[in-house]
N, C-alpha and C. Protein backbone atom coordinates (compact mmCIF):
# COMPACT_ATOMS: atom_id res chain seq x y z
N MET A 1 -67.17 -5.82 -48.40
CA MET A 1 -66.61 -6.73 -47.40
C MET A 1 -65.09 -6.74 -47.50
N ILE A 2 -64.44 -6.73 -46.36
CA ILE A 2 -62.98 -6.79 -46.34
C ILE A 2 -62.55 -8.15 -45.82
N ILE A 3 -61.73 -8.84 -46.59
CA ILE A 3 -61.17 -10.12 -46.17
C ILE A 3 -59.67 -9.92 -46.02
N VAL A 4 -59.15 -10.19 -44.84
CA VAL A 4 -57.70 -10.11 -44.62
C VAL A 4 -57.20 -11.54 -44.66
N LEU A 5 -56.41 -11.83 -45.67
CA LEU A 5 -55.99 -13.21 -45.95
C LEU A 5 -54.54 -13.44 -45.53
N GLY A 6 -54.36 -14.25 -44.51
CA GLY A 6 -53.01 -14.62 -44.09
C GLY A 6 -52.38 -15.55 -45.10
N ILE A 7 -51.21 -15.18 -45.61
CA ILE A 7 -50.58 -16.00 -46.66
C ILE A 7 -49.30 -16.67 -46.18
N GLY A 8 -49.10 -16.70 -44.86
CA GLY A 8 -47.92 -17.38 -44.33
C GLY A 8 -46.67 -16.55 -44.45
N PRO A 9 -45.53 -17.14 -44.10
CA PRO A 9 -44.29 -16.37 -44.04
C PRO A 9 -43.68 -16.03 -45.40
N GLY A 10 -44.10 -16.67 -46.47
CA GLY A 10 -43.53 -16.34 -47.78
C GLY A 10 -43.70 -17.41 -48.83
N SER A 11 -43.34 -18.64 -48.50
CA SER A 11 -43.44 -19.73 -49.48
C SER A 11 -44.90 -20.08 -49.72
N ASP A 12 -45.27 -20.25 -50.99
CA ASP A 12 -46.68 -20.55 -51.27
C ASP A 12 -47.11 -21.93 -50.78
N ASP A 13 -46.14 -22.84 -50.51
CA ASP A 13 -46.57 -24.15 -49.95
C ASP A 13 -47.06 -24.02 -48.53
N LEU A 14 -46.83 -22.88 -47.86
CA LEU A 14 -47.24 -22.71 -46.47
C LEU A 14 -48.57 -21.96 -46.33
N MET A 15 -49.23 -21.71 -47.47
CA MET A 15 -50.55 -21.09 -47.41
C MET A 15 -51.58 -22.15 -47.07
N ILE A 16 -52.60 -21.75 -46.31
CA ILE A 16 -53.60 -22.73 -45.93
C ILE A 16 -54.46 -23.09 -47.15
N ASN A 17 -54.98 -24.32 -47.14
CA ASN A 17 -55.89 -24.75 -48.20
C ASN A 17 -57.11 -23.84 -48.19
N GLY A 18 -57.60 -23.50 -49.34
CA GLY A 18 -58.78 -22.64 -49.41
C GLY A 18 -58.45 -21.19 -49.71
N SER A 19 -57.17 -20.82 -49.66
CA SER A 19 -56.80 -19.43 -49.94
C SER A 19 -57.22 -19.01 -51.35
N SER A 20 -57.10 -19.94 -52.30
CA SER A 20 -57.40 -19.60 -53.70
C SER A 20 -58.86 -19.19 -53.88
N GLN A 21 -59.75 -19.74 -53.06
CA GLN A 21 -61.17 -19.39 -53.16
C GLN A 21 -61.37 -17.90 -52.90
N TYR A 22 -60.72 -17.38 -51.85
CA TYR A 22 -60.85 -15.96 -51.52
C TYR A 22 -60.26 -15.09 -52.63
N LEU A 23 -59.16 -15.55 -53.21
CA LEU A 23 -58.51 -14.78 -54.27
C LEU A 23 -59.38 -14.73 -55.51
N GLU A 24 -59.99 -15.86 -55.85
CA GLU A 24 -60.82 -15.91 -57.06
C GLU A 24 -62.06 -15.04 -56.93
N GLU A 25 -62.59 -14.94 -55.71
CA GLU A 25 -63.82 -14.16 -55.50
C GLU A 25 -63.55 -12.67 -55.30
N ALA A 26 -62.29 -12.31 -55.11
CA ALA A 26 -61.96 -10.90 -54.83
C ALA A 26 -62.21 -10.01 -56.04
N GLU A 27 -62.79 -8.85 -55.77
CA GLU A 27 -62.92 -7.84 -56.83
C GLU A 27 -61.66 -6.98 -56.87
N THR A 28 -61.01 -6.84 -55.73
CA THR A 28 -59.73 -6.12 -55.65
C THR A 28 -58.82 -6.88 -54.71
N LEU A 29 -57.58 -7.01 -55.11
CA LEU A 29 -56.57 -7.70 -54.31
C LEU A 29 -55.50 -6.67 -53.94
N ILE A 30 -55.26 -6.48 -52.65
CA ILE A 30 -54.31 -5.47 -52.18
C ILE A 30 -53.16 -6.16 -51.45
N GLY A 31 -51.95 -5.77 -51.77
CA GLY A 31 -50.79 -6.32 -51.08
C GLY A 31 -49.53 -5.59 -51.49
N SER A 32 -48.43 -5.91 -50.84
CA SER A 32 -47.15 -5.33 -51.24
C SER A 32 -46.74 -5.95 -52.58
N SER A 33 -45.77 -5.34 -53.23
CA SER A 33 -45.28 -5.89 -54.51
C SER A 33 -44.80 -7.32 -54.34
N ARG A 34 -44.12 -7.57 -53.22
CA ARG A 34 -43.60 -8.92 -52.96
C ARG A 34 -44.74 -9.92 -52.78
N GLN A 35 -45.78 -9.51 -52.05
CA GLN A 35 -46.93 -10.40 -51.85
C GLN A 35 -47.67 -10.65 -53.15
N LEU A 36 -47.91 -9.58 -53.91
CA LEU A 36 -48.67 -9.72 -55.16
C LEU A 36 -47.93 -10.58 -56.18
N ALA A 37 -46.59 -10.58 -56.11
CA ALA A 37 -45.79 -11.39 -57.04
C ALA A 37 -46.07 -12.89 -56.87
N LEU A 38 -46.61 -13.28 -55.71
CA LEU A 38 -46.96 -14.69 -55.48
C LEU A 38 -48.20 -15.10 -56.26
N PHE A 39 -48.95 -14.10 -56.76
CA PHE A 39 -50.21 -14.38 -57.45
C PHE A 39 -50.25 -13.69 -58.81
N PRO A 40 -49.38 -14.11 -59.74
CA PRO A 40 -49.27 -13.41 -61.02
C PRO A 40 -50.54 -13.44 -61.87
N THR A 41 -51.42 -14.41 -61.64
CA THR A 41 -52.64 -14.50 -62.46
C THR A 41 -53.70 -13.49 -62.04
N PHE A 42 -53.47 -12.77 -60.93
CA PHE A 42 -54.47 -11.82 -60.44
C PHE A 42 -54.10 -10.37 -60.74
N LYS A 43 -53.23 -10.17 -61.74
CA LYS A 43 -52.73 -8.82 -62.03
C LYS A 43 -53.83 -7.81 -62.33
N SER A 44 -54.90 -8.25 -63.00
CA SER A 44 -55.94 -7.31 -63.44
C SER A 44 -56.64 -6.62 -62.28
N LYS A 45 -56.69 -7.26 -61.12
CA LYS A 45 -57.40 -6.64 -60.00
C LYS A 45 -56.48 -6.32 -58.83
N ALA A 46 -55.17 -6.31 -59.07
CA ALA A 46 -54.20 -6.11 -57.99
C ALA A 46 -53.90 -4.63 -57.77
N VAL A 47 -53.79 -4.25 -56.50
CA VAL A 47 -53.43 -2.88 -56.12
C VAL A 47 -52.26 -2.99 -55.15
N VAL A 48 -51.18 -2.27 -55.43
CA VAL A 48 -50.02 -2.29 -54.53
C VAL A 48 -50.40 -1.54 -53.25
N LEU A 49 -50.11 -2.17 -52.13
CA LEU A 49 -50.49 -1.62 -50.82
C LEU A 49 -49.95 -0.21 -50.64
N PRO A 50 -50.85 0.77 -50.48
CA PRO A 50 -50.38 2.14 -50.24
C PRO A 50 -50.09 2.35 -48.75
N LYS A 51 -49.72 3.57 -48.39
CA LYS A 51 -49.56 3.90 -46.97
C LYS A 51 -50.91 3.70 -46.29
N LEU A 52 -50.88 3.40 -44.98
CA LEU A 52 -52.12 3.06 -44.27
C LEU A 52 -53.17 4.17 -44.36
N LYS A 53 -52.73 5.42 -44.35
CA LYS A 53 -53.68 6.52 -44.45
C LYS A 53 -54.43 6.45 -45.79
N ASP A 54 -53.68 6.18 -46.87
CA ASP A 54 -54.30 6.08 -48.20
C ASP A 54 -55.12 4.80 -48.33
N LEU A 55 -54.67 3.74 -47.67
CA LEU A 55 -55.43 2.49 -47.69
C LEU A 55 -56.79 2.68 -47.03
N GLU A 56 -56.81 3.41 -45.94
CA GLU A 56 -58.08 3.67 -45.24
C GLU A 56 -59.05 4.41 -46.16
N ILE A 57 -58.56 5.41 -46.87
CA ILE A 57 -59.40 6.18 -47.80
C ILE A 57 -59.91 5.26 -48.91
N PHE A 58 -59.02 4.43 -49.46
CA PHE A 58 -59.39 3.51 -50.55
C PHE A 58 -60.47 2.53 -50.08
N LEU A 59 -60.28 1.95 -48.90
CA LEU A 59 -61.24 0.96 -48.40
C LEU A 59 -62.60 1.60 -48.14
N LYS A 60 -62.62 2.80 -47.60
CA LYS A 60 -63.89 3.48 -47.35
C LYS A 60 -64.64 3.74 -48.65
N ALA A 61 -63.89 4.06 -49.71
CA ALA A 61 -64.51 4.36 -51.01
C ALA A 61 -64.98 3.10 -51.74
N HIS A 62 -64.46 1.94 -51.37
CA HIS A 62 -64.80 0.69 -52.07
C HIS A 62 -65.36 -0.37 -51.12
N ILE A 63 -65.94 0.06 -50.01
CA ILE A 63 -66.36 -0.87 -48.97
C ILE A 63 -67.48 -1.81 -49.43
N ASP A 64 -68.19 -1.43 -50.49
CA ASP A 64 -69.27 -2.28 -51.01
C ASP A 64 -68.76 -3.40 -51.90
N LYS A 65 -67.46 -3.40 -52.18
CA LYS A 65 -66.85 -4.44 -53.03
C LYS A 65 -66.23 -5.52 -52.16
N LYS A 66 -65.90 -6.65 -52.79
CA LYS A 66 -65.21 -7.72 -52.05
C LYS A 66 -63.72 -7.48 -52.22
N ILE A 67 -63.08 -7.02 -51.14
CA ILE A 67 -61.66 -6.66 -51.18
C ILE A 67 -60.87 -7.66 -50.34
N VAL A 68 -59.81 -8.19 -50.92
CA VAL A 68 -58.92 -9.08 -50.19
C VAL A 68 -57.60 -8.34 -49.95
N ILE A 69 -57.22 -8.24 -48.67
CA ILE A 69 -55.92 -7.65 -48.31
C ILE A 69 -55.00 -8.79 -47.92
N LEU A 70 -53.86 -8.89 -48.57
CA LEU A 70 -52.90 -9.94 -48.26
C LEU A 70 -52.11 -9.56 -47.01
N ALA A 71 -51.92 -10.54 -46.14
CA ALA A 71 -51.18 -10.30 -44.91
C ALA A 71 -50.09 -11.36 -44.79
N SER A 72 -48.84 -10.93 -44.70
CA SER A 72 -47.75 -11.88 -44.48
C SER A 72 -47.92 -12.48 -43.08
N GLY A 73 -47.57 -13.74 -42.95
CA GLY A 73 -47.69 -14.40 -41.66
C GLY A 73 -49.14 -14.55 -41.26
N ASP A 74 -49.42 -14.27 -39.99
CA ASP A 74 -50.79 -14.32 -39.49
C ASP A 74 -51.30 -12.90 -39.31
N PRO A 75 -52.49 -12.58 -39.85
CA PRO A 75 -52.98 -11.19 -39.82
C PRO A 75 -53.17 -10.62 -38.43
N LEU A 76 -53.38 -11.47 -37.42
CA LEU A 76 -53.65 -10.96 -36.07
C LEU A 76 -52.46 -11.09 -35.13
N LEU A 77 -51.31 -11.48 -35.65
CA LEU A 77 -50.09 -11.50 -34.83
C LEU A 77 -49.21 -10.34 -35.32
N TYR A 78 -49.41 -9.17 -34.74
CA TYR A 78 -48.72 -7.95 -35.15
C TYR A 78 -48.87 -7.74 -36.66
N GLY A 79 -50.06 -8.02 -37.17
CA GLY A 79 -50.32 -7.90 -38.60
C GLY A 79 -51.38 -6.87 -38.91
N ILE A 80 -51.66 -6.72 -40.20
CA ILE A 80 -52.59 -5.69 -40.67
C ILE A 80 -54.03 -5.98 -40.27
N GLY A 81 -54.32 -7.22 -39.89
CA GLY A 81 -55.67 -7.56 -39.45
C GLY A 81 -56.10 -6.73 -38.26
N ASN A 82 -55.17 -6.47 -37.35
CA ASN A 82 -55.48 -5.65 -36.16
C ASN A 82 -55.89 -4.24 -36.57
N TRP A 83 -55.17 -3.68 -37.54
CA TRP A 83 -55.46 -2.33 -38.02
C TRP A 83 -56.84 -2.27 -38.68
N VAL A 84 -57.16 -3.27 -39.50
CA VAL A 84 -58.46 -3.30 -40.20
C VAL A 84 -59.61 -3.36 -39.19
N ILE A 85 -59.50 -4.22 -38.19
CA ILE A 85 -60.56 -4.36 -37.18
C ILE A 85 -60.78 -3.05 -36.44
N LYS A 86 -59.68 -2.37 -36.12
CA LYS A 86 -59.77 -1.11 -35.38
C LYS A 86 -60.39 0.00 -36.23
N LYS A 87 -60.01 0.07 -37.51
CA LYS A 87 -60.46 1.17 -38.37
C LYS A 87 -61.86 0.97 -38.93
N PHE A 88 -62.32 -0.28 -39.02
CA PHE A 88 -63.62 -0.54 -39.64
C PHE A 88 -64.50 -1.40 -38.72
N PRO A 89 -64.81 -0.89 -37.51
CA PRO A 89 -65.52 -1.70 -36.52
C PRO A 89 -66.94 -2.10 -36.92
N GLY A 90 -67.59 -1.29 -37.75
CA GLY A 90 -68.99 -1.61 -38.10
C GLY A 90 -69.14 -2.38 -39.40
N GLU A 91 -68.04 -2.67 -40.05
CA GLU A 91 -68.11 -3.31 -41.38
C GLU A 91 -67.97 -4.82 -41.27
N LYS A 92 -68.37 -5.48 -42.36
CA LYS A 92 -68.22 -6.93 -42.42
C LYS A 92 -66.77 -7.26 -42.76
N ILE A 93 -66.11 -7.90 -41.80
CA ILE A 93 -64.69 -8.22 -41.96
C ILE A 93 -64.50 -9.70 -41.69
N GLN A 94 -63.69 -10.34 -42.52
CA GLN A 94 -63.32 -11.74 -42.26
C GLN A 94 -61.80 -11.82 -42.19
N ILE A 95 -61.29 -12.45 -41.16
CA ILE A 95 -59.85 -12.63 -41.02
C ILE A 95 -59.54 -14.11 -41.24
N VAL A 96 -58.70 -14.39 -42.22
CA VAL A 96 -58.32 -15.77 -42.53
C VAL A 96 -56.90 -15.99 -41.99
N PRO A 97 -56.73 -16.94 -41.07
CA PRO A 97 -55.42 -17.10 -40.43
C PRO A 97 -54.35 -17.60 -41.40
N GLY A 98 -53.11 -17.36 -41.01
CA GLY A 98 -51.97 -17.88 -41.77
C GLY A 98 -50.91 -18.32 -40.78
N ILE A 99 -49.91 -19.01 -41.28
CA ILE A 99 -48.79 -19.41 -40.42
C ILE A 99 -47.89 -18.20 -40.25
N SER A 100 -47.61 -17.83 -39.01
CA SER A 100 -46.75 -16.67 -38.78
C SER A 100 -45.29 -17.04 -38.99
N ALA A 101 -44.47 -16.03 -39.27
CA ALA A 101 -43.02 -16.25 -39.42
C ALA A 101 -42.43 -16.75 -38.11
N ILE A 102 -42.96 -16.26 -36.98
CA ILE A 102 -42.48 -16.72 -35.68
C ILE A 102 -42.78 -18.22 -35.51
N GLN A 103 -44.00 -18.59 -35.82
CA GLN A 103 -44.41 -20.00 -35.70
C GLN A 103 -43.54 -20.88 -36.60
N TYR A 104 -43.36 -20.43 -37.83
CA TYR A 104 -42.53 -21.18 -38.77
C TYR A 104 -41.11 -21.37 -38.22
N PHE A 105 -40.54 -20.30 -37.65
CA PHE A 105 -39.16 -20.35 -37.17
C PHE A 105 -39.03 -21.34 -36.00
N PHE A 106 -39.98 -21.32 -35.08
CA PHE A 106 -39.95 -22.28 -33.98
C PHE A 106 -39.96 -23.71 -34.51
N HIS A 107 -40.77 -23.94 -35.54
CA HIS A 107 -40.84 -25.29 -36.11
C HIS A 107 -39.54 -25.66 -36.83
N ARG A 108 -38.93 -24.70 -37.50
CA ARG A 108 -37.65 -24.98 -38.18
C ARG A 108 -36.58 -25.39 -37.16
N LEU A 109 -36.63 -24.75 -36.00
CA LEU A 109 -35.64 -25.03 -34.96
C LEU A 109 -36.03 -26.23 -34.08
N LYS A 110 -37.27 -26.74 -34.31
CA LYS A 110 -37.81 -27.84 -33.50
C LYS A 110 -37.88 -27.45 -32.01
N PHE A 111 -38.26 -26.20 -31.77
CA PHE A 111 -38.43 -25.70 -30.40
C PHE A 111 -39.92 -25.70 -30.06
N PRO A 112 -40.29 -26.18 -28.86
CA PRO A 112 -41.70 -26.09 -28.46
C PRO A 112 -42.10 -24.63 -28.25
N MET A 113 -43.36 -24.34 -28.49
CA MET A 113 -43.85 -22.97 -28.32
C MET A 113 -44.61 -22.79 -27.01
N ASN A 114 -44.61 -23.80 -26.17
CA ASN A 114 -45.31 -23.68 -24.89
C ASN A 114 -44.68 -22.56 -24.05
N ASP A 115 -45.52 -21.71 -23.50
CA ASP A 115 -45.09 -20.64 -22.58
C ASP A 115 -44.13 -19.62 -23.21
N VAL A 116 -44.17 -19.50 -24.52
CA VAL A 116 -43.33 -18.51 -25.22
C VAL A 116 -44.01 -17.14 -25.14
N TYR A 117 -43.21 -16.09 -24.96
CA TYR A 117 -43.74 -14.73 -25.02
C TYR A 117 -43.50 -14.19 -26.44
N LEU A 118 -44.57 -13.81 -27.13
CA LEU A 118 -44.47 -13.31 -28.50
C LEU A 118 -44.63 -11.80 -28.53
N THR A 119 -43.77 -11.14 -29.31
CA THR A 119 -43.86 -9.68 -29.39
C THR A 119 -43.25 -9.19 -30.71
N SER A 120 -43.23 -7.88 -30.86
CA SER A 120 -42.66 -7.25 -32.05
C SER A 120 -42.01 -5.94 -31.66
N SER A 121 -40.98 -5.57 -32.40
CA SER A 121 -40.37 -4.26 -32.16
C SER A 121 -40.80 -3.25 -33.22
N HIS A 122 -41.69 -3.63 -34.10
CA HIS A 122 -42.13 -2.71 -35.17
C HIS A 122 -42.80 -1.48 -34.59
N GLY A 123 -42.20 -0.34 -34.84
CA GLY A 123 -42.80 0.93 -34.42
C GLY A 123 -42.92 1.12 -32.91
N GLN A 124 -42.18 0.33 -32.14
CA GLN A 124 -42.24 0.51 -30.69
C GLN A 124 -40.90 0.12 -30.06
N VAL A 125 -40.66 0.64 -28.88
CA VAL A 125 -39.44 0.30 -28.15
C VAL A 125 -39.81 -0.78 -27.14
N PRO A 126 -39.30 -1.99 -27.29
CA PRO A 126 -39.66 -3.05 -26.34
C PRO A 126 -39.17 -2.76 -24.93
N ASP A 127 -39.90 -3.27 -23.95
CA ASP A 127 -39.51 -3.17 -22.55
C ASP A 127 -38.63 -4.39 -22.25
N PHE A 128 -37.32 -4.23 -22.38
CA PHE A 128 -36.41 -5.36 -22.24
C PHE A 128 -36.33 -5.89 -20.81
N ASP A 129 -36.54 -5.02 -19.84
CA ASP A 129 -36.56 -5.51 -18.45
C ASP A 129 -37.68 -6.53 -18.27
N PHE A 130 -38.82 -6.23 -18.87
CA PHE A 130 -39.97 -7.15 -18.81
C PHE A 130 -39.71 -8.39 -19.67
N LEU A 131 -39.25 -8.18 -20.90
CA LEU A 131 -39.05 -9.30 -21.83
C LEU A 131 -38.10 -10.34 -21.29
N LEU A 132 -37.00 -9.86 -20.70
CA LEU A 132 -35.95 -10.80 -20.28
C LEU A 132 -36.29 -11.54 -18.98
N GLN A 133 -37.49 -11.32 -18.48
CA GLN A 133 -37.99 -12.15 -17.39
C GLN A 133 -38.51 -13.49 -17.91
N HIS A 134 -38.71 -13.57 -19.23
CA HIS A 134 -39.26 -14.78 -19.85
C HIS A 134 -38.14 -15.72 -20.28
N THR A 135 -38.41 -17.01 -20.21
CA THR A 135 -37.42 -18.01 -20.62
C THR A 135 -37.19 -17.99 -22.12
N THR A 136 -38.29 -17.85 -22.89
CA THR A 136 -38.18 -17.84 -24.35
C THR A 136 -39.05 -16.74 -24.92
N ILE A 137 -38.49 -15.99 -25.85
CA ILE A 137 -39.19 -14.87 -26.49
C ILE A 137 -39.09 -15.05 -28.01
N GLY A 138 -40.20 -14.87 -28.69
CA GLY A 138 -40.21 -14.81 -30.15
C GLY A 138 -40.54 -13.40 -30.56
N MET A 139 -39.69 -12.77 -31.38
CA MET A 139 -39.89 -11.36 -31.72
C MET A 139 -39.70 -11.09 -33.21
N VAL A 140 -40.68 -10.41 -33.79
CA VAL A 140 -40.52 -9.88 -35.14
C VAL A 140 -39.80 -8.55 -34.98
N THR A 141 -38.74 -8.33 -35.75
CA THR A 141 -37.96 -7.10 -35.55
C THR A 141 -38.05 -6.16 -36.74
N ASP A 142 -37.54 -4.96 -36.55
CA ASP A 142 -37.47 -3.99 -37.64
C ASP A 142 -36.06 -3.43 -37.75
N GLN A 143 -35.89 -2.39 -38.55
CA GLN A 143 -34.55 -1.84 -38.79
C GLN A 143 -34.04 -1.02 -37.61
N VAL A 144 -34.94 -0.59 -36.71
CA VAL A 144 -34.53 0.21 -35.57
C VAL A 144 -34.09 -0.69 -34.41
N THR A 145 -34.89 -1.69 -34.11
CA THR A 145 -34.55 -2.64 -33.04
C THR A 145 -34.47 -4.03 -33.66
N GLY A 146 -33.28 -4.36 -34.13
CA GLY A 146 -33.05 -5.65 -34.76
C GLY A 146 -32.18 -6.54 -33.90
N PRO A 147 -31.63 -7.60 -34.46
CA PRO A 147 -30.84 -8.56 -33.68
C PRO A 147 -29.68 -7.93 -32.90
N TYR A 148 -28.95 -7.03 -33.54
CA TYR A 148 -27.79 -6.43 -32.87
C TYR A 148 -28.22 -5.59 -31.67
N GLU A 149 -29.26 -4.78 -31.87
CA GLU A 149 -29.74 -3.90 -30.80
C GLU A 149 -30.29 -4.74 -29.63
N ILE A 150 -30.94 -5.84 -29.96
CA ILE A 150 -31.45 -6.74 -28.92
C ILE A 150 -30.29 -7.30 -28.10
N ALA A 151 -29.24 -7.73 -28.80
CA ALA A 151 -28.06 -8.28 -28.11
C ALA A 151 -27.44 -7.25 -27.18
N GLN A 152 -27.39 -5.98 -27.61
CA GLN A 152 -26.82 -4.93 -26.77
C GLN A 152 -27.65 -4.72 -25.50
N GLU A 153 -28.97 -4.83 -25.63
CA GLU A 153 -29.85 -4.67 -24.47
C GLU A 153 -29.64 -5.80 -23.46
N ILE A 154 -29.41 -7.01 -23.97
CA ILE A 154 -29.14 -8.16 -23.08
C ILE A 154 -27.81 -7.93 -22.35
N LYS A 155 -26.80 -7.49 -23.11
CA LYS A 155 -25.47 -7.22 -22.52
C LYS A 155 -25.54 -6.15 -21.44
N LYS A 156 -26.28 -5.07 -21.72
CA LYS A 156 -26.41 -3.96 -20.76
C LYS A 156 -26.88 -4.44 -19.40
N ARG A 157 -27.70 -5.48 -19.43
CA ARG A 157 -28.28 -5.99 -18.18
C ARG A 157 -27.44 -7.11 -17.57
N GLY A 158 -26.28 -7.35 -18.16
CA GLY A 158 -25.38 -8.37 -17.63
C GLY A 158 -25.96 -9.77 -17.68
N GLN A 159 -26.82 -10.01 -18.67
CA GLN A 159 -27.46 -11.33 -18.79
C GLN A 159 -26.87 -12.11 -19.96
N HIS A 160 -27.16 -13.39 -19.98
CA HIS A 160 -26.66 -14.26 -21.06
C HIS A 160 -27.86 -14.94 -21.72
N ARG A 161 -27.89 -14.91 -23.03
CA ARG A 161 -28.97 -15.56 -23.78
C ARG A 161 -28.43 -16.14 -25.08
N GLN A 162 -29.11 -17.17 -25.57
CA GLN A 162 -28.88 -17.61 -26.94
C GLN A 162 -29.82 -16.83 -27.84
N VAL A 163 -29.32 -16.42 -28.99
CA VAL A 163 -30.11 -15.62 -29.92
C VAL A 163 -30.12 -16.33 -31.26
N PHE A 164 -31.32 -16.69 -31.71
CA PHE A 164 -31.50 -17.36 -33.00
C PHE A 164 -32.10 -16.34 -33.96
N ILE A 165 -31.50 -16.17 -35.12
CA ILE A 165 -31.95 -15.15 -36.07
C ILE A 165 -32.37 -15.84 -37.37
N GLY A 166 -33.61 -15.64 -37.74
CA GLY A 166 -34.12 -16.21 -38.99
C GLY A 166 -34.42 -15.10 -39.98
N GLU A 167 -33.71 -15.10 -41.11
CA GLU A 167 -33.91 -14.07 -42.13
C GLU A 167 -34.57 -14.69 -43.37
N MET A 168 -35.46 -13.93 -43.98
CA MET A 168 -36.15 -14.35 -45.20
C MET A 168 -36.74 -15.77 -45.03
N LEU A 169 -37.38 -15.97 -43.92
CA LEU A 169 -37.87 -17.31 -43.58
C LEU A 169 -38.84 -17.86 -44.62
N SER A 170 -38.59 -19.09 -45.01
CA SER A 170 -39.34 -19.88 -45.99
C SER A 170 -39.06 -19.49 -47.44
N TYR A 171 -38.28 -18.44 -47.66
CA TYR A 171 -37.88 -18.07 -49.02
C TYR A 171 -36.65 -18.88 -49.43
N PRO A 172 -36.34 -18.94 -50.73
CA PRO A 172 -35.16 -19.70 -51.17
C PRO A 172 -33.86 -19.23 -50.53
N ASP A 173 -33.77 -17.92 -50.20
CA ASP A 173 -32.54 -17.40 -49.59
C ASP A 173 -32.64 -17.31 -48.06
N GLU A 174 -33.44 -18.19 -47.47
CA GLU A 174 -33.57 -18.24 -46.02
C GLU A 174 -32.20 -18.41 -45.37
N LYS A 175 -32.01 -17.69 -44.26
CA LYS A 175 -30.74 -17.79 -43.54
C LYS A 175 -31.03 -17.86 -42.04
N ILE A 176 -30.45 -18.85 -41.37
CA ILE A 176 -30.62 -19.00 -39.93
C ILE A 176 -29.26 -18.91 -39.26
N SER A 177 -29.15 -18.03 -38.26
CA SER A 177 -27.90 -17.85 -37.52
C SER A 177 -28.15 -18.10 -36.05
N VAL A 178 -27.14 -18.61 -35.37
CA VAL A 178 -27.21 -18.84 -33.93
C VAL A 178 -26.05 -18.08 -33.29
N ALA A 179 -26.36 -17.32 -32.24
CA ALA A 179 -25.32 -16.51 -31.59
C ALA A 179 -25.66 -16.37 -30.11
N THR A 180 -24.84 -15.61 -29.43
CA THR A 180 -25.17 -15.17 -28.07
C THR A 180 -25.19 -13.65 -28.11
N GLU A 181 -25.53 -13.03 -26.99
CA GLU A 181 -25.53 -11.57 -26.95
C GLU A 181 -24.14 -10.99 -27.25
N LEU A 182 -23.09 -11.80 -27.10
CA LEU A 182 -21.72 -11.33 -27.33
C LEU A 182 -21.29 -11.46 -28.79
N THR A 183 -22.00 -12.30 -29.55
CA THR A 183 -21.50 -12.60 -30.90
C THR A 183 -22.44 -12.17 -32.04
N VAL A 184 -23.57 -11.53 -31.71
CA VAL A 184 -24.46 -11.05 -32.77
C VAL A 184 -23.76 -9.92 -33.52
N LYS A 185 -23.65 -10.07 -34.84
CA LYS A 185 -22.90 -9.08 -35.63
C LYS A 185 -23.74 -7.84 -35.91
N LYS A 186 -23.03 -6.70 -36.00
CA LYS A 186 -23.69 -5.45 -36.36
C LYS A 186 -23.73 -5.37 -37.89
N ARG A 187 -24.87 -5.65 -38.47
CA ARG A 187 -25.03 -5.61 -39.93
C ARG A 187 -26.50 -5.40 -40.27
N ASN A 188 -26.78 -5.29 -41.53
CA ASN A 188 -28.16 -5.14 -41.98
C ASN A 188 -28.80 -6.53 -42.09
N TYR A 189 -29.82 -6.78 -41.28
CA TYR A 189 -30.51 -8.08 -41.31
C TYR A 189 -31.75 -7.97 -42.18
N GLN A 190 -31.90 -8.92 -43.09
CA GLN A 190 -33.08 -8.95 -43.95
C GLN A 190 -34.28 -9.37 -43.12
N MET A 191 -35.48 -9.04 -43.62
CA MET A 191 -36.75 -9.40 -42.98
C MET A 191 -36.57 -10.58 -42.01
N ASN A 192 -36.66 -10.32 -40.72
CA ASN A 192 -36.25 -11.37 -39.78
C ASN A 192 -37.09 -11.51 -38.52
N VAL A 193 -36.90 -12.67 -37.90
CA VAL A 193 -37.49 -13.01 -36.62
C VAL A 193 -36.35 -13.41 -35.70
N VAL A 194 -36.44 -13.05 -34.43
CA VAL A 194 -35.42 -13.41 -33.46
C VAL A 194 -36.09 -14.23 -32.35
N ILE A 195 -35.45 -15.31 -31.99
CA ILE A 195 -35.87 -16.09 -30.83
C ILE A 195 -34.76 -15.97 -29.78
N ILE A 196 -35.14 -15.57 -28.59
CA ILE A 196 -34.18 -15.37 -27.50
C ILE A 196 -34.52 -16.39 -26.42
N THR A 197 -33.53 -17.13 -25.99
CA THR A 197 -33.81 -18.14 -24.97
C THR A 197 -32.67 -18.26 -23.97
N ASN A 198 -33.02 -18.57 -22.74
CA ASN A 198 -31.99 -18.88 -21.75
C ASN A 198 -32.12 -20.33 -21.31
N ALA A 199 -32.91 -21.10 -22.09
CA ALA A 199 -33.09 -22.52 -21.75
C ALA A 199 -31.87 -23.33 -22.14
């Protein structure tokens, strides 16, 4: 059985109650080094998340065991839960929700999430003409299309937006910046979420 466990944006206080039950019952715990560091008592059964191709091979070979895969944020919001469901359609899979980094960021800013368009730039080129038709957008970004690149796309279209950048959300070194498309700096942004609004 594969259990994909959403562990929230980073801070262990944001994990849902009951997460420990899945961890205790796991025969193997899979996650990134950063994720596994949150659970130091589970070292004996921990496996550092390999590349997805290798993870697929590992899961097929151990499908009869109880495997817990850690997922940052929510597993089904641009998370690994989607990949697991697609790759193992006939297997017993349980997805345990978590608080997404996008959700957390909206709450930190005290912004309502009604009618928000949620997306990600991970491994894809966003359709900015479509995105900028929305009043508010929440986006998980990557190193290719991050805050600066988003700002340039807004400028290219002669539009004006407020851009909120949340880095390392819920971690001790959390950083929140507020800018417009004209003032977003060109720099390396740590693990981040961007909220774009014209409200």
